[in-house]
Amino acid sequence: MERLVHFELFGQEFSFYTGSSEEEVELILAMVRRELGAEEAGKHSSLPSSKMLVLGCLKIAARFVQLEKEFNAFQARQDKSIDKLINKVSSGIEGVAEK
């Protein structure tokens, strides 16, 4: 069931509907505040809040792209390991069948 969530960031109020649990929402908001530096920079920045939010989105997007690259590399390594394991098992089964 979706519910309305309210929060403040850089002195602006935001609301959205979500089906996420309270715990997930808190983790998401904590990550956004951490990535944007909202705790320490919120009231002291000379940049408008809209620019801060755009820069924060770019920072989060860059982090996502890096994590996606790392995940793809991990997945490729796992695929190679699985292929090697399958080849070893197949070779072992063929050797037993020949005896």
C-alpha atoms as a PDB file:
ATOM      1  CA  MET A   1       0.000   0.000   0.000  1.00  0.00           C
ATOM      2  CA  GLU A   2       1.378   3.401  -0.940  1.00  0.00           C
ATOM      3  CA  ARG A   3       1.689   6.178   1.594  1.00  0.00           C
ATOM      4  CA  LEU A   4       2.685   9.828   1.473  1.00  0.00           C
ATOM      5  CA  VAL A   5       6.142  10.732   2.764  1.00  0.00           C
ATOM      6  CA  HIS A   6       7.162  14.312   3.644  1.00  0.00           C
ATOM      7  CA  PHE A   7      10.743  15.503   4.133  1.00  0.00           C
ATOM      8  CA  GLU A   8      12.855  18.658   4.027  1.00  0.00           C
ATOM      9  CA  LEU A   9      16.058  19.150   2.081  1.00  0.00           C
ATOM     10  CA  PHE A  10      17.998  22.417   1.718  1.00  0.00           C
ATOM     11  CA  GLY A  11      15.155  24.282   3.375  1.00  0.00           C
ATOM     12  CA  GLN A  12      12.552  23.025   0.909  1.00  0.00           C
ATOM     13  CA  GLU A  13       9.646  20.701   1.631  1.00  0.00           C
ATOM     14  CA  PHE A  14       9.162  17.624  -0.547  1.00  0.00           C
ATOM     15  CA  SER A  15       6.475  14.941  -0.637  1.00  0.00           C
ATOM     16  CA  PHE A  16       6.068  11.715  -2.568  1.00  0.00           C
ATOM     17  CA  TYR A  17       4.043   8.533  -2.505  1.00  0.00           C
ATOM     18  CA  THR A  18       5.856   5.252  -1.955  1.00  0.00           C
ATOM     19  CA  GLY A  19       5.221   1.604  -1.288  1.00  0.00           C
ATOM     20  CA  SER A  20       8.574   1.310   0.481  1.00  0.00           C
ATOM     21  CA  SER A  21       8.757   0.501   4.164  1.00  0.00           C
ATOM     22  CA  GLU A  22       9.510   3.176   6.754  1.00  0.00           C
ATOM     23  CA  GLU A  23      12.982   1.680   7.219  1.00  0.00           C
ATOM     24  CA  GLU A  24      13.726   1.812   3.478  1.00  0.00           C
ATOM     25  CA  VAL A  25      12.542   5.412   3.248  1.00  0.00           C
ATOM     26  CA  GLU A  26      14.761   6.406   6.192  1.00  0.00           C
ATOM     27  CA  LEU A  27      17.771   4.673   4.583  1.00  0.00           C
ATOM     28  CA  ILE A  28      17.069   6.375   1.245  1.00  0.00           C
ATOM     29  CA  LEU A  29      16.708   9.828   2.789  1.00  0.00           C
ATOM     30  CA  ALA A  30      19.859   9.323   4.880  1.00  0.00           C
ATOM     31  CA  MET A  31      21.803   8.342   1.750  1.00  0.00           C
ATOM     32  CA  VAL A  32      20.505  11.340  -0.202  1.00  0.00           C
ATOM     33  CA  ARG A  33      21.385  13.717   2.643  1.00  0.00           C
ATOM     34  CA  ARG A  34      24.830  12.143   2.992  1.00  0.00           C
ATOM     35  CA  GLU A  35      25.552  12.228  -0.755  1.00  0.00           C
ATOM     36  CA  LEU A  36      24.345  15.805  -1.067  1.00  0.00           C
ATOM     37  CA  GLY A  37      26.143  16.935   2.065  1.00  0.00           C
ATOM     38  CA  ALA A  38      22.794  18.281   3.231  1.00  0.00           C
ATOM     39  CA  GLU A  39      23.614  18.093   6.942  1.00  0.00           C
ATOM     40  CA  GLU A  40      26.609  20.388   6.872  1.00  0.00           C
ATOM     41  CA  ALA A  41      25.981  22.503   3.754  1.00  0.00           C
ATOM     42  CA  GLY A  42      22.226  23.012   3.885  1.00  0.00           C
ATOM     43  CA  LYS A  43      22.034  26.460   5.425  1.00  0.00           C
ATOM     44  CA  HIS A  44      25.591  27.689   4.760  1.00  0.00           C
ATOM     45  CA  SER A  45      25.910  27.274   0.999  1.00  0.00           C
ATOM     46  CA  SER A  46      25.998  30.224  -1.378  1.00  0.00           C
ATOM     47  CA  LEU A  47      24.530  28.038  -4.150  1.00  0.00           C
ATOM     48  CA  PRO A  48      20.752  28.033  -4.666  1.00  0.00           C
ATOM     49  CA  SER A  49      19.062  24.889  -3.398  1.00  0.00           C
ATOM     50  CA  SER A  50      18.007  23.937  -6.944  1.00  0.00           C
ATOM     51  CA  LYS A  51      21.657  23.891  -8.059  1.00  0.00           C
ATOM     52  CA  MET A  52      22.624  21.937  -4.947  1.00  0.00           C
ATOM     53  CA  LEU A  53      19.955  19.351  -5.773  1.00  0.00           C
ATOM     54  CA  VAL A  54      21.077  19.058  -9.422  1.00  0.00           C
ATOM     55  CA  LEU A  55      24.721  18.697  -8.369  1.00  0.00           C
ATOM     56  CA  GLY A  56      23.643  16.103  -5.820  1.00  0.00           C
ATOM     57  CA  CYS A  57      21.738  14.168  -8.481  1.00  0.00           C
ATOM     58  CA  LEU A  58      24.816  14.204 -10.698  1.00  0.00           C
ATOM     59  CA  LYS A  59      26.944  12.943  -7.818  1.00  0.00           C
ATOM     60  CA  ILE A  60      24.500  10.111  -7.088  1.00  0.00           C
ATOM     61  CA  ALA A  61      24.282   9.257 -10.810  1.00  0.00           C
ATOM     62  CA  ALA A  62      28.087   9.122 -11.040  1.00  0.00           C
ATOM     63  CA  ARG A  63      28.154   6.802  -8.033  1.00  0.00           C
ATOM     64  CA  PHE A  64      25.499   4.598  -9.662  1.00  0.00           C
ATOM     65  CA  VAL A  65      27.471   4.396 -12.933  1.00  0.00           C
ATOM     66  CA  GLN A  66      30.630   3.411 -11.013  1.00  0.00           C
ATOM     67  CA  LEU A  67      28.754   0.741  -9.034  1.00  0.00           C
ATOM     68  CA  GLU A  68      27.167  -0.576 -12.229  1.00  0.00           C
ATOM     69  CA  LYS A  69      30.631  -0.858 -13.838  1.00  0.00           C
ATOM     70  CA  GLU A  70      31.950  -2.688 -10.792  1.00  0.00           C
ATOM     71  CA  PHE A  71      28.939  -5.021 -10.771  1.00  0.00           C
ATOM     72  CA  ASN A  72      29.330  -5.814 -14.478  1.00  0.00           C
ATOM     73  CA  ALA A  73      33.020  -6.627 -13.949  1.00  0.00           C
ATOM     74  CA  PHE A  74      32.109  -8.817 -10.967  1.00  0.00           C
ATOM     75  CA  GLN A  75      29.441 -10.577 -13.006  1.00  0.00           C
ATOM     76  CA  ALA A  76      31.914 -11.241 -15.842  1.00  0.00           C
ATOM     77  CA  ARG A  77      34.426 -12.723 -13.355  1.00  0.00           C
ATOM     78  CA  GLN A  78      31.693 -14.916 -11.875  1.00  0.00           C
ATOM     79  CA  ASP A  79      30.628 -16.101 -15.322  1.00  0.00           C
ATOM     80  CA  LYS A  80      34.231 -17.095 -16.126  1.00  0.00           C
ATOM     81  CA  SER A  81      34.546 -18.935 -12.800  1.00  0.00           C
ATOM     82  CA  ILE A  82      31.296 -20.794 -13.396  1.00  0.00           C
ATOM     83  CA  ASP A  83      32.378 -21.742 -16.932  1.00  0.00           C
ATOM     84  CA  LYS A  84      35.681 -23.102 -15.583  1.00  0.00           C
ATOM     85  CA  LEU A  85      33.839 -25.083 -12.913  1.00  0.00           C
ATOM     86  CA  ILE A  86      31.411 -26.523 -15.477  1.00  0.00           C
ATOM     87  CA  ASN A  87      34.336 -27.549 -17.698  1.00  0.00           C
ATOM     88  CA  LYS A  88      36.086 -29.262 -14.771  1.00  0.00           C
ATOM     89  CA  VAL A  89      32.928 -31.134 -13.788  1.00  0.00           C
ATOM     90  CA  SER A  90      32.247 -32.122 -17.409  1.00  0.00           C
ATOM     91  CA  SER A  91      35.816 -33.351 -17.831  1.00  0.00           C
ATOM     92  CA  GLY A  92      35.511 -35.369 -14.634  1.00  0.00           C
ATOM     93  CA  ILE A  93      32.230 -36.959 -15.707  1.00  0.00           C
ATOM     94  CA  GLU A  94      33.601 -37.812 -19.160  1.00  0.00           C
ATOM     95  CA  GLY A  95      36.694 -39.396 -17.562  1.00  0.00           C
ATOM     96  CA  VAL A  96      34.532 -41.550 -15.276  1.00  0.00           C
ATOM     97  CA  ALA A  97      32.236 -42.576 -18.164  1.00  0.00           C
ATOM     98  CA  GLU A  98      35.227 -43.749 -20.262  1.00  0.00           C
ATOM     99  CA  LYS A  99      36.474 -46.112 -17.544  1.00  0.00           C
END
